[in-house]
C-alpha atoms as a PDB file:
ATOM      1  CA  MET A   1      31.543 -17.560 -50.538  1.00  0.00           C
ATOM      2  CA  THR A   2      32.698 -14.621 -48.491  1.00  0.00           C
ATOM      3  CA  ALA A   3      30.789 -14.199 -45.260  1.00  0.00           C
ATOM      4  CA  LEU A   4      28.892 -10.989 -45.031  1.00  0.00           C
ATOM      5  CA  THR A   5      29.764  -8.856 -42.024  1.00  0.00           C
ATOM      6  CA  SER A   6      28.153  -5.692 -40.803  1.00  0.00           C
ATOM      7  CA  PRO A   7      30.228  -2.559 -41.330  1.00  0.00           C
ATOM      8  CA  PRO A   8      31.988  -1.173 -38.265  1.00  0.00           C
ATOM      9  CA  ALA A   9      30.100   1.460 -36.347  1.00  0.00           C
ATOM     10  CA  ARG A  10      31.000   4.951 -37.365  1.00  0.00           C
ATOM     11  CA  PRO A  11      32.749   7.087 -34.747  1.00  0.00           C
ATOM     12  CA  GLU A  12      30.028   9.714 -35.125  1.00  0.00           C
ATOM     13  CA  ALA A  13      27.334   7.165 -34.252  1.00  0.00           C
ATOM     14  CA  ALA A  14      29.318   5.909 -31.260  1.00  0.00           C
ATOM     15  CA  ARG A  15      29.773   9.439 -29.977  1.00  0.00           C
ATOM     16  CA  GLY A  16      26.119  10.184 -30.584  1.00  0.00           C
ATOM     17  CA  SER A  17      25.069   7.344 -28.313  1.00  0.00           C
ATOM     18  CA  VAL A  18      27.020   8.674 -25.334  1.00  0.00           C
ATOM     19  CA  LEU A  19      24.584  11.463 -24.449  1.00  0.00           C
ATOM     20  CA  PRO A  20      21.425   9.304 -24.431  1.00  0.00           C
ATOM     21  CA  SER A  21      23.305   6.678 -22.395  1.00  0.00           C
ATOM     22  CA  LEU A  22      24.410   9.335 -19.902  1.00  0.00           C
ATOM     23  CA  ILE A  23      20.879  10.718 -19.623  1.00  0.00           C
ATOM     24  CA  ALA A  24      19.486   7.223 -19.101  1.00  0.00           C
ATOM     25  CA  ARG A  25      22.068   6.452 -16.415  1.00  0.00           C
ATOM     26  CA  LEU A  26      21.838   9.703 -14.449  1.00  0.00           C
ATOM     27  CA  GLY A  27      18.307  10.719 -15.336  1.00  0.00           C
ATOM     28  CA  ALA A  28      17.142  13.989 -16.842  1.00  0.00           C
ATOM     29  CA  GLN A  29      16.250  15.313 -13.358  1.00  0.00           C
ATOM     30  CA  HIS A  30      19.775  14.843 -12.024  1.00  0.00           C
ATOM     31  CA  LEU A  31      21.396  16.222 -15.161  1.00  0.00           C
ATOM     32  CA  SER A  32      19.239  19.341 -15.051  1.00  0.00           C
ATOM     33  CA  LEU A  33      20.225  19.920 -11.407  1.00  0.00           C
ATOM     34  CA  ILE A  34      23.898  19.409 -12.223  1.00  0.00           C
ATOM     35  CA  GLY A  35      23.569  21.863 -15.119  1.00  0.00           C
ATOM     36  CA  ALA A  36      21.864  24.449 -12.918  1.00  0.00           C
ATOM     37  CA  LEU A  37      24.527  23.990 -10.228  1.00  0.00           C
ATOM     38  CA  VAL A  38      27.319  24.516 -12.780  1.00  0.00           C
ATOM     39  CA  VAL A  39      25.623  27.685 -14.026  1.00  0.00           C
ATOM     40  CA  VAL A  40      25.218  29.085 -10.479  1.00  0.00           C
ATOM     41  CA  LEU A  41      28.864  28.326  -9.647  1.00  0.00           C
ATOM     42  CA  ALA A  42      30.051  29.886 -12.906  1.00  0.00           C
ATOM     43  CA  VAL A  43      27.958  33.050 -12.539  1.00  0.00           C
ATOM     44  CA  PHE A  44      28.850  33.809  -8.922  1.00  0.00           C
ATOM     45  CA  GLY A  45      32.449  32.668  -9.452  1.00  0.00           C
ATOM     46  CA  THR A  46      32.754  35.253 -12.212  1.00  0.00           C
ATOM     47  CA  LEU A  47      31.165  37.987 -10.111  1.00  0.00           C
ATOM     48  CA  ASN A  48      33.326  37.293  -7.040  1.00  0.00           C
ATOM     49  CA  ASP A  49      36.850  35.875  -7.076  1.00  0.00           C
ATOM     50  CA  ASN A  50      36.514  34.393  -3.582  1.00  0.00           C
ATOM     51  CA  TYR A  51      33.254  32.565  -4.259  1.00  0.00           C
ATOM     52  CA  LEU A  52      34.946  29.377  -5.501  1.00  0.00           C
ATOM     53  CA  SER A  53      37.705  29.458  -2.883  1.00  0.00           C
ATOM     54  CA  LEU A  54      38.102  26.394  -0.670  1.00  0.00           C
ATOM     55  CA  GLY A  55      37.170  28.399   2.409  1.00  0.00           C
ATOM     56  CA  ASN A  56      33.895  29.660   0.942  1.00  0.00           C
ATOM     57  CA  LEU A  57      32.975  26.223  -0.426  1.00  0.00           C
ATOM     58  CA  GLN A  58      33.406  24.840   3.091  1.00  0.00           C
ATOM     59  CA  VAL A  59      31.159  27.612   4.417  1.00  0.00           C
ATOM     60  CA  ILE A  60      28.525  26.608   1.842  1.00  0.00           C
ATOM     61  CA  ALA A  61      28.819  22.948   2.837  1.00  0.00           C
ATOM     62  CA  GLU A  62      28.503  23.689   6.558  1.00  0.00           C
ATOM     63  CA  ALA A  63      25.523  25.981   6.053  1.00  0.00           C
ATOM     64  CA  ALA A  64      23.769  23.412   3.860  1.00  0.00           C
ATOM     65  CA  THR A  65      24.296  20.498   6.257  1.00  0.00           C
ATOM     66  CA  ILE A  66      21.323  21.137   8.531  1.00  0.00           C
ATOM     67  CA  THR A  67      19.023  21.717   5.550  1.00  0.00           C
ATOM     68  CA  GLY A  68      20.451  18.574   3.956  1.00  0.00           C
ATOM     69  CA  LEU A  69      19.684  16.393   6.961  1.00  0.00           C
ATOM     70  CA  LEU A  70      16.075  17.574   7.060  1.00  0.00           C
ATOM     71  CA  ALA A  71      15.703  17.307   3.280  1.00  0.00           C
ATOM     72  CA  VAL A  72      16.923  13.688   3.278  1.00  0.00           C
ATOM     73  CA  VAL A  73      14.295  12.559   5.792  1.00  0.00           C
ATOM     74  CA  GLN A  74      11.702  14.778   4.110  1.00  0.00           C
ATOM     75  CA  THR A  75      12.431  12.717   1.003  1.00  0.00           C
ATOM     76  CA  VAL A  76      11.516   9.541   2.884  1.00  0.00           C
ATOM     77  CA  VAL A  77       8.192  10.853   4.168  1.00  0.00           C
ATOM     78  CA  ILE A  78       7.242  12.318   0.773  1.00  0.00           C
ATOM     79  CA  ILE A  79       8.029   9.007  -0.941  1.00  0.00           C
ATOM     80  CA  CYS A  80       5.520   7.238   1.293  1.00  0.00           C
ATOM     81  CA  GLY A  81       2.869   9.855   0.546  1.00  0.00           C
ATOM     82  CA  GLY A  82       3.246  12.089   3.608  1.00  0.00           C
ATOM     83  CA  LEU A  83       4.734  15.474   4.436  1.00  0.00           C
ATOM     84  CA  ASP A  84       6.261  17.113   7.508  1.00  0.00           C
ATOM     85  CA  ILE A  85       6.046  20.894   7.710  1.00  0.00           C
ATOM     86  CA  SER A  86       7.186  20.946  11.340  1.00  0.00           C
ATOM     87  CA  VAL A  87      10.831  19.835  10.915  1.00  0.00           C
ATOM     88  CA  GLY A  88      12.234  23.320  11.477  1.00  0.00           C
ATOM     89  CA  SER A  89      10.311  23.755  14.726  1.00  0.00           C
ATOM     90  CA  GLN A  90      11.372  20.270  15.826  1.00  0.00           C
ATOM     91  CA  ALA A  91      15.016  21.255  15.296  1.00  0.00           C
ATOM     92  CA  GLY A  92      14.409  24.401  17.370  1.00  0.00           C
ATOM     93  CA  VAL A  93      13.003  22.391  20.277  1.00  0.00           C
ATOM     94  CA  ALA A  94      15.925  19.943  20.098  1.00  0.00           C
ATOM     95  CA  SER A  95      18.435  22.805  20.019  1.00  0.00           C
ATOM     96  CA  VAL A  96      17.029  24.352  23.179  1.00  0.00           C
ATOM     97  CA  VAL A  97      16.694  21.001  24.961  1.00  0.00           C
ATOM     98  CA  SER A  98      20.278  19.998  24.127  1.00  0.00           C
ATOM     99  CA  ALA A  99      21.680  23.227  25.587  1.00  0.00           C
ATOM    100  CA  MET A 100      19.449  23.217  28.689  1.00  0.00           C
ATOM    101  CA  ALA A 101      20.129  19.550  29.433  1.00  0.00           C
ATOM    102  CA  PHE A 102      23.848  20.165  28.884  1.00  0.00           C
ATOM    103  CA  THR A 103      23.781  22.916  31.518  1.00  0.00           C
ATOM    104  CA  SER A 104      21.569  20.996  33.963  1.00  0.00           C
ATOM    105  CA  ALA A 105      23.813  17.908  33.782  1.00  0.00           C
ATOM    106  CA  GLY A 106      26.916  19.863  34.737  1.00  0.00           C
ATOM    107  CA  SER A 107      28.180  20.603  31.227  1.00  0.00           C
ATOM    108  CA  ASN A 108      27.723  17.015  30.042  1.00  0.00           C
ATOM    109  CA  ALA A 109      27.499  17.088  26.251  1.00  0.00           C
ATOM    110  CA  TYR A 110      26.341  13.486  25.957  1.00  0.00           C
ATOM    111  CA  ALA A 111      23.429  14.147  28.317  1.00  0.00           C
ATOM    112  CA  GLY A 112      22.418  17.142  26.203  1.00  0.00           C
ATOM    113  CA  ILE A 113      22.582  15.164  22.948  1.00  0.00           C
ATOM    114  CA  ALA A 114      20.699  12.189  24.411  1.00  0.00           C
ATOM    115  CA  ALA A 115      17.951  14.447  25.790  1.00  0.00           C
ATOM    116  CA  ALA A 116      17.557  16.176  22.416  1.00  0.00           C
ATOM    117  CA  VAL A 117      17.334  12.875  20.511  1.00  0.00           C
ATOM    118  CA  ALA A 118      14.819  11.475  23.012  1.00  0.00           C
ATOM    119  CA  VAL A 119      12.612  14.568  22.689  1.00  0.00           C
ATOM    120  CA  GLY A 120      12.946  14.451  18.908  1.00  0.00           C
ATOM    121  CA  LEU A 121      11.853  10.812  18.801  1.00  0.00           C
ATOM    122  CA  LEU A 122       8.900  11.594  21.085  1.00  0.00           C
ATOM    123  CA  ILE A 123       7.784  14.486  18.875  1.00  0.00           C
ATOM    124  CA  GLY A 124       8.125  12.385  15.721  1.00  0.00           C
ATOM    125  CA  LEU A 125       6.090   9.532  17.185  1.00  0.00           C
ATOM    126  CA  LEU A 126       3.468  12.037  18.346  1.00  0.00           C
ATOM    127  CA  ASN A 127       3.169  13.405  14.802  1.00  0.00           C
ATOM    128  CA  GLY A 128       2.816   9.881  13.440  1.00  0.00           C
ATOM    129  CA  ALA A 129       0.189   8.939  16.033  1.00  0.00           C
ATOM    130  CA  VAL A 130      -1.896  12.046  15.301  1.00  0.00           C
ATOM    131  CA  ILE A 131      -1.795  11.312  11.566  1.00  0.00           C
ATOM    132  CA  VAL A 132      -2.493   7.578  11.851  1.00  0.00           C
ATOM    133  CA  HIS A 133      -4.781   7.234  14.843  1.00  0.00           C
ATOM    134  CA  GLY A 134      -6.322  10.696  14.686  1.00  0.00           C
ATOM    135  CA  ARG A 135      -6.876  10.286  10.941  1.00  0.00           C
ATOM    136  CA  VAL A 136      -5.551  13.793  10.333  1.00  0.00           C
ATOM    137  CA  ASN A 137      -4.106  14.824   6.977  1.00  0.00           C
ATOM    138  CA  PRO A 138      -0.264  14.942   7.285  1.00  0.00           C
ATOM    139  CA  THR A 139      -0.114  18.507   5.990  1.00  0.00           C
ATOM    140  CA  ILE A 140      -2.635  19.739   8.562  1.00  0.00           C
ATOM    141  CA  ALA A 141      -1.137  17.707  11.420  1.00  0.00           C
ATOM    142  CA  THR A 142       2.400  18.937  10.844  1.00  0.00           C
ATOM    143  CA  LEU A 143       1.240  22.483  10.115  1.00  0.00           C
ATOM    144  CA  ALA A 144      -0.252  22.420  13.611  1.00  0.00           C
ATOM    145  CA  GLY A 145       3.042  20.966  14.836  1.00  0.00           C
ATOM    146  CA  LEU A 146       4.946  23.814  13.169  1.00  0.00           C
ATOM    147  CA  ALA A 147       3.131  26.327  15.378  1.00  0.00           C
ATOM    148  CA  ALA A 148       2.966  24.146  18.501  1.00  0.00           C
ATOM    149  CA  TYR A 149       6.640  23.126  18.583  1.00  0.00           C
ATOM    150  CA  LYS A 150       7.783  26.656  17.802  1.00  0.00           C
ATOM    151  CA  GLY A 151       5.719  27.863  20.754  1.00  0.00           C
ATOM    152  CA  LEU A 152       7.096  25.044  22.926  1.00  0.00           C
ATOM    153  CA  ALA A 153      10.679  26.026  22.121  1.00  0.00           C
ATOM    154  CA  GLN A 154       9.927  29.629  23.037  1.00  0.00           C
ATOM    155  CA  LEU A 155       8.121  28.652  26.238  1.00  0.00           C
ATOM    156  CA  ILE A 156      10.842  26.435  27.694  1.00  0.00           C
ATOM    157  CA  SER A 157      13.564  28.919  26.726  1.00  0.00           C
ATOM    158  CA  ASP A 158      11.592  32.059  27.602  1.00  0.00           C
ATOM    159  CA  GLY A 159      12.217  33.150  24.021  1.00  0.00           C
ATOM    160  CA  ARG A 160      15.986  33.499  24.544  1.00  0.00           C
ATOM    161  CA  ALA A 161      19.090  31.562  23.556  1.00  0.00           C
ATOM    162  CA  GLN A 162      19.981  29.019  26.240  1.00  0.00           C
ATOM    163  CA  GLY A 163      23.281  27.768  27.594  1.00  0.00           C
ATOM    164  CA  TYR A 164      26.804  28.152  26.267  1.00  0.00           C
ATOM    165  CA  VAL A 165      28.447  25.096  24.724  1.00  0.00           C
ATOM    166  CA  LEU A 166      31.488  26.477  22.906  1.00  0.00           C
ATOM    167  CA  GLY A 167      33.666  25.590  25.884  1.00  0.00           C
ATOM    168  CA  ASP A 168      32.790  21.906  25.519  1.00  0.00           C
ATOM    169  CA  PRO A 169      35.096  19.833  23.286  1.00  0.00           C
ATOM    170  CA  VAL A 170      32.282  17.547  22.035  1.00  0.00           C
ATOM    171  CA  PHE A 171      30.121  20.410  20.791  1.00  0.00           C
ATOM    172  CA  VAL A 172      33.159  22.214  19.400  1.00  0.00           C
ATOM    173  CA  PHE A 173      34.117  19.053  17.503  1.00  0.00           C
ATOM    174  CA  LEU A 174      30.580  18.689  16.086  1.00  0.00           C
ATOM    175  CA  GLY A 175      30.294  22.336  15.095  1.00  0.00           C
ATOM    176  CA  ARG A 176      33.815  23.200  13.996  1.00  0.00           C
ATOM    177  CA  GLY A 177      35.820  19.958  13.795  1.00  0.00           C
ATOM    178  CA  ARG A 178      37.389  18.500  10.663  1.00  0.00           C
ATOM    179  CA  ILE A 179      37.966  14.925   9.519  1.00  0.00           C
ATOM    180  CA  ALA A 180      40.197  14.460   6.454  1.00  0.00           C
ATOM    181  CA  GLY A 181      39.794  18.155   5.719  1.00  0.00           C
ATOM    182  CA  LEU A 182      35.989  18.093   5.666  1.00  0.00           C
ATOM    183  CA  PRO A 183      33.746  19.505   8.415  1.00  0.00           C
ATOM    184  CA  VAL A 184      32.337  16.906  10.815  1.00  0.00           C
ATOM    185  CA  MET A 185      28.854  18.220  10.034  1.00  0.00           C
ATOM    186  CA  VAL A 186      29.314  17.298   6.380  1.00  0.00           C
ATOM    187  CA  TRP A 187      30.443  13.785   7.311  1.00  0.00           C
ATOM    188  CA  LEU A 188      27.303  13.367   9.420  1.00  0.00           C
ATOM    189  CA  LEU A 189      25.161  14.379   6.451  1.00  0.00           C
ATOM    190  CA  VAL A 190      27.007  11.901   4.227  1.00  0.00           C
ATOM    191  CA  LEU A 191      26.475   9.069   6.722  1.00  0.00           C
ATOM    192  CA  VAL A 192      22.762   9.815   7.143  1.00  0.00           C
ATOM    193  CA  ALA A 193      22.277  10.166   3.382  1.00  0.00           C
ATOM    194  CA  LEU A 194      24.064   6.861   2.683  1.00  0.00           C
ATOM    195  CA  ALA A 195      22.035   5.060   5.330  1.00  0.00           C
ATOM    196  CA  VAL A 196      18.744   6.402   3.946  1.00  0.00           C
ATOM    197  CA  HIS A 197      19.793   5.613   0.361  1.00  0.00           C
ATOM    198  CA  VAL A 198      20.568   2.011   1.293  1.00  0.00           C
ATOM    199  CA  LEU A 199      17.260   1.791   3.166  1.00  0.00           C
ATOM    200  CA  LEU A 200      15.289   3.020   0.156  1.00  0.00           C
ATOM    201  CA  ALA A 201      17.180   1.298  -2.635  1.00  0.00           C
ATOM    202  CA  ARG A 202      18.405  -1.980  -1.142  1.00  0.00           C
ATOM    203  CA  THR A 203      15.889  -3.180   1.429  1.00  0.00           C
ATOM    204  CA  ASP A 204      12.360  -4.524   1.514  1.00  0.00           C
ATOM    205  CA  LEU A 205      11.472  -1.682   3.891  1.00  0.00           C
ATOM    206  CA  GLY A 206      12.387   0.842   1.222  1.00  0.00           C
ATOM    207  CA  ARG A 207      10.437  -0.976  -1.475  1.00  0.00           C
ATOM    208  CA  ASN A 208       7.426  -1.033   0.825  1.00  0.00           C
ATOM    209  CA  LEU A 209       7.707   2.725   1.370  1.00  0.00           C
ATOM    210  CA  TYR A 210       7.624   3.298  -2.394  1.00  0.00           C
ATOM    211  CA  ALA A 211       4.652   0.939  -2.625  1.00  0.00           C
ATOM    212  CA  ILE A 212       2.759   2.838   0.071  1.00  0.00           C
ATOM    213  CA  GLY A 213       3.323   6.147  -1.686  1.00  0.00           C
ATOM    214  CA  GLY A 214       2.552   4.780  -5.126  1.00  0.00           C
ATOM    215  CA  ASN A 215      -0.713   3.047  -4.241  1.00  0.00           C
ATOM    216  CA  ASP A 216      -1.625   2.690  -0.582  1.00  0.00           C
ATOM    217  CA  THR A 217      -4.662   0.511  -1.340  1.00  0.00           C
ATOM    218  CA  ALA A 218      -2.565  -2.012  -3.245  1.00  0.00           C
ATOM    219  CA  ALA A 219       0.084  -1.892  -0.518  1.00  0.00           C
ATOM    220  CA  ARG A 220      -2.521  -2.645   2.142  1.00  0.00           C
ATOM    221  CA  LEU A 221      -3.903  -5.549   0.125  1.00  0.00           C
ATOM    222  CA  ALA A 222      -0.349  -6.853  -0.231  1.00  0.00           C
ATOM    223  CA  GLY A 223      -0.150  -7.122   3.549  1.00  0.00           C
ATOM    224  CA  ILE A 224       1.935  -4.034   4.319  1.00  0.00           C
ATOM    225  CA  ASN A 225       1.080  -2.493   7.700  1.00  0.00           C
ATOM    226  CA  ILE A 226       0.877   1.119   6.534  1.00  0.00           C
ATOM    227  CA  ASN A 227       0.178   2.544   9.991  1.00  0.00           C
ATOM    228  CA  LYS A 228       3.357   1.100  11.481  1.00  0.00           C
ATOM    229  CA  TYR A 229       5.435   2.324   8.552  1.00  0.00           C
ATOM    230  CA  LEU A 230       4.083   5.863   8.812  1.00  0.00           C
ATOM    231  CA  ILE A 231       4.657   6.094  12.562  1.00  0.00           C
ATOM    232  CA  ALA A 232       8.189   4.728  12.120  1.00  0.00           C
ATOM    233  CA  VAL A 233       8.949   7.243   9.351  1.00  0.00           C
ATOM    234  CA  TYR A 234       7.792  10.181  11.452  1.00  0.00           C
ATOM    235  CA  GLY A 235       9.830   8.814  14.362  1.00  0.00           C
ATOM    236  CA  LEU A 236      12.874   8.786  12.053  1.00  0.00           C
ATOM    237  CA  ILE A 237      12.174  12.389  11.092  1.00  0.00           C
ATOM    238  CA  GLY A 238      12.065  13.351  14.767  1.00  0.00           C
ATOM    239  CA  ILE A 239      15.454  11.734  15.435  1.00  0.00           C
ATOM    240  CA  VAL A 240      17.170  13.366  12.454  1.00  0.00           C
ATOM    241  CA  ALA A 241      15.535  16.737  13.227  1.00  0.00           C
ATOM    242  CA  ALA A 242      16.965  16.407  16.742  1.00  0.00           C
ATOM    243  CA  VAL A 243      20.432  15.751  15.299  1.00  0.00           C
ATOM    244  CA  ALA A 244      19.991  18.877  13.168  1.00  0.00           C
ATOM    245  CA  GLY A 245      19.037  20.798  16.308  1.00  0.00           C
ATOM    246  CA  VAL A 246      22.150  19.560  18.129  1.00  0.00           C
ATOM    247  CA  LEU A 247      24.307  20.687  15.194  1.00  0.00           C
ATOM    248  CA  LEU A 248      22.555  24.054  15.268  1.00  0.00           C
ATOM    249  CA  THR A 249      23.476  24.356  18.950  1.00  0.00           C
ATOM    250  CA  ALA A 250      27.069  23.315  18.244  1.00  0.00           C
ATOM    251  CA  ARG A 251      27.358  25.752  15.359  1.00  0.00           C
ATOM    252  CA  THR A 252      25.913  28.794  17.151  1.00  0.00           C
ATOM    253  CA  GLY A 253      27.229  27.998  20.625  1.00  0.00           C
ATOM    254  CA  SER A 254      23.836  27.994  22.379  1.00  0.00           C
ATOM    255  CA  GLY A 255      20.324  26.582  22.161  1.00  0.00           C
ATOM    256  CA  GLN A 256      18.279  28.542  19.631  1.00  0.00           C
ATOM    257  CA  PRO A 257      14.456  28.446  19.931  1.00  0.00           C
ATOM    258  CA  THR A 258      13.837  29.954  16.478  1.00  0.00           C
ATOM    259  CA  SER A 259      16.962  31.635  15.114  1.00  0.00           C
ATOM    260  CA  GLY A 260      18.583  29.301  12.615  1.00  0.00           C
ATOM    261  CA  SER A 261      15.689  26.838  12.525  1.00  0.00           C
ATOM    262  CA  GLU A 262      12.928  29.075  11.188  1.00  0.00           C
ATOM    263  CA  GLY A 263      12.294  28.457   7.501  1.00  0.00           C
ATOM    264  CA  LEU A 264      14.127  25.111   7.416  1.00  0.00           C
ATOM    265  CA  GLU A 265      10.908  23.295   6.561  1.00  0.00           C
ATOM    266  CA  LEU A 266      10.508  25.312   3.338  1.00  0.00           C
ATOM    267  CA  LYS A 267      14.116  24.627   2.351  1.00  0.00           C
ATOM    268  CA  ALA A 268      13.751  20.900   3.049  1.00  0.00           C
ATOM    269  CA  ILE A 269      10.532  20.543   1.056  1.00  0.00           C
ATOM    270  CA  THR A 270      11.901  22.643  -1.810  1.00  0.00           C
ATOM    271  CA  ALA A 271      15.064  20.512  -1.974  1.00  0.00           C
ATOM    272  CA  ALA A 272      13.078  17.271  -1.991  1.00  0.00           C
ATOM    273  CA  ALA A 273      10.722  18.536  -4.709  1.00  0.00           C
ATOM    274  CA  LEU A 274      13.563  19.902  -6.843  1.00  0.00           C
ATOM    275  CA  GLY A 275      15.377  16.592  -6.379  1.00  0.00           C
ATOM    276  CA  GLY A 276      12.565  14.708  -8.072  1.00  0.00           C
ATOM    277  CA  CYS A 277      10.259  13.644  -5.240  1.00  0.00           C
ATOM    278  CA  ALA A 278       6.661  13.453  -6.435  1.00  0.00           C
ATOM    279  CA  LEU A 279       4.631  15.277  -3.791  1.00  0.00           C
ATOM    280  CA  LYS A 280       1.892  12.665  -4.204  1.00  0.00           C
ATOM    281  CA  GLY A 281       4.338   9.953  -3.207  1.00  0.00           C
ATOM    282  CA  GLY A 282       5.934   6.887  -4.735  1.00  0.00           C
ATOM    283  CA  LYS A 283       8.863   8.597  -6.446  1.00  0.00           C
ATOM    284  CA  GLY A 284      12.133  10.200  -5.415  1.00  0.00           C
ATOM    285  CA  GLY A 285      15.602   9.507  -4.114  1.00  0.00           C
ATOM    286  CA  VAL A 286      18.405  10.812  -1.946  1.00  0.00           C
ATOM    287  CA  GLY A 287      20.776  11.640  -4.809  1.00  0.00           C
ATOM    288  CA  GLY A 288      18.500  14.210  -6.404  1.00  0.00           C
ATOM    289  CA  THR A 289      17.688  15.735  -3.023  1.00  0.00           C
ATOM    290  CA  LEU A 290      21.374  16.240  -2.192  1.00  0.00           C
ATOM    291  CA  LEU A 291      21.981  17.883  -5.573  1.00  0.00           C
ATOM    292  CA  ALA A 292      19.077  20.233  -4.887  1.00  0.00           C
ATOM    293  CA  VAL A 293      20.459  21.020  -1.409  1.00  0.00           C
ATOM    294  CA  ALA A 294      23.811  21.892  -2.996  1.00  0.00           C
ATOM    295  CA  LEU A 295      22.070  24.096  -5.569  1.00  0.00           C
ATOM    296  CA  LEU A 296      20.068  25.962  -2.915  1.00  0.00           C
ATOM    297  CA  GLY A 297      23.154  26.362  -0.711  1.00  0.00           C
ATOM    298  CA  CYS A 298      25.282  27.757  -3.537  1.00  0.00           C
ATOM    299  CA  LEU A 299      22.511  30.094  -4.648  1.00  0.00           C
ATOM    300  CA  GLU A 300      21.905  31.391  -1.116  1.00  0.00           C
ATOM    301  CA  ASN A 301      25.602  31.927  -0.464  1.00  0.00           C
ATOM    302  CA  GLY A 302      26.058  33.640  -3.838  1.00  0.00           C
ATOM    303  CA  LEU A 303      23.247  36.087  -3.128  1.00  0.00           C
ATOM    304  CA  THR A 304      24.748  36.807   0.295  1.00  0.00           C
ATOM    305  CA  VAL A 305      28.252  37.321  -1.082  1.00  0.00           C
ATOM    306  CA  GLN A 306      26.884  39.766  -3.650  1.00  0.00           C
ATOM    307  CA  GLY A 307      25.170  41.728  -0.889  1.00  0.00           C
ATOM    308  CA  ILE A 308      21.676  41.061  -2.222  1.00  0.00           C
ATOM    309  CA  ASN A 309      18.859  41.554   0.284  1.00  0.00           C
ATOM    310  CA  SER A 310      18.257  38.300   2.153  1.00  0.00           C
ATOM    311  CA  PHE A 311      14.509  38.625   1.535  1.00  0.00           C
ATOM    312  CA  TRP A 312      15.190  37.726  -2.100  1.00  0.00           C
ATOM    313  CA  GLN A 313      16.407  34.343  -0.915  1.00  0.00           C
ATOM    314  CA  ASN A 314      12.891  33.529   0.270  1.00  0.00           C
ATOM    315  CA  VAL A 315      11.520  34.722  -3.062  1.00  0.00           C
ATOM    316  CA  ALA A 316      13.978  32.454  -4.896  1.00  0.00           C
ATOM    317  CA  GLN A 317      13.083  29.432  -2.734  1.00  0.00           C
ATOM    318  CA  GLY A 318       9.372  29.943  -3.272  1.00  0.00           C
ATOM    319  CA  ALA A 319       9.855  30.350  -7.012  1.00  0.00           C
ATOM    320  CA  LEU A 320      11.971  27.198  -7.221  1.00  0.00           C
ATOM    321  CA  LEU A 321       9.322  25.208  -5.328  1.00  0.00           C
ATOM    322  CA  VAL A 322       6.633  26.372  -7.760  1.00  0.00           C
ATOM    323  CA  VAL A 323       8.858  25.505 -10.728  1.00  0.00           C
ATOM    324  CA  ALA A 324       9.510  22.023  -9.311  1.00  0.00           C
ATOM    325  CA  VAL A 325       5.793  21.329  -8.818  1.00  0.00           C
ATOM    326  CA  VAL A 326       4.910  22.664 -12.288  1.00  0.00           C
ATOM    327  CA  ILE A 327       7.520  20.369 -13.862  1.00  0.00           C
ATOM    328  CA  GLN A 328       6.113  17.407 -11.933  1.00  0.00           C
ATOM    329  CA  GLN A 329       2.579  18.178 -13.126  1.00  0.00           C
ATOM    330  CA  ARG A 330       3.704  18.465 -16.745  1.00  0.00           C
ATOM    331  CA  ARG A 331       5.612  15.201 -16.596  1.00  0.00           C
ATOM    332  CA  SER A 332       2.735  13.349 -14.960  1.00  0.00           C
ATOM    333  CA  GLY A 333       0.355  14.380 -17.738  1.00  0.00           C
ATOM    334  CA  GLU A 334      -2.391  15.165 -15.239  1.00  0.00           C
ATOM    335  CA  ARG A 335      -5.041  17.699 -16.158  1.00  0.00           C
ATOM    336  CA  ALA A 336      -4.494  21.091 -14.599  1.00  0.00           C
ATOM    337  CA  ILE A 337      -7.112  22.080 -12.011  1.00  0.00           C
ATOM    338  CA  GLY A 338      -9.900  24.167 -13.493  1.00  0.00           C
ATOM    339  CA  LEU A 339      -8.728  23.796 -17.097  1.00  0.00           C
ATOM    340  CA  PRO A 340     -10.165  21.576 -19.839  1.00  0.00           C
ATOM    341  CA  ALA A 341      -8.347  18.337 -20.590  1.00  0.00           C
END
């Protein structure tokens, strides 16, 4: 008897399985962001011949770096069920401190950077302590921090830019240097993003953060010390916000109390939400956040290149945040507030 064998798979069927496999591997969220990014690049590239030039792409990357740093750590705090609305103000304080300490230490860049990071860590731990030990909702606590740290930056700087660091080789290297053709700022973002990705995806600490955000009661019963994790996460945010502030100083040449840092919190939260972070916690990742940062950076630069009023950029960011939250609600299947099930 001749053995029966199944017929070979048709080429059409093999090709048809590629798309579902790609979607499963990358995820619908990532693919939608990639598609939106391609559309933005195509539209503005058609409208302006210089938009896709290497020089302009580097400008986009440099401008998006500070937002990217804050968005990456915002991803971590959102995953564990928190939020930090004060990251922009924290960066402003760190920017001023780095420039003032640089000047006070006799133009010592390392003293300025160390002072900024120390202040950033202190602010982050303070936020965590208020939330944990004061039993204050993270949104309210960091909303208060947004106002308080902005005022602090203005008080210590008298509301003016402080110092001048463009004559220092360390700050010049951070703000304008290149390694293998890429800006140093971009390399710093890559390193921070890789470190956070490994933390979230490859370590028990990361798995515990997801557990805390997914179900804090179950996490507590499993023996996870939620208070310590939250304080540590907010401390991490303070450190990275300080690094962002130092880069802001290096990029602008002086310590900036508000200019350059105002509005960063909205960009960071929008990027994290667009990247797939569930604002209730327990879901998200660095990859989606970075794609969203790239999308926001390309969109903002495109609007600027076309001479569109900068106020429309805020409108676009707000609209994108609403869209991201609406998509999350639809996917979760939760009943909309005030509407019948």
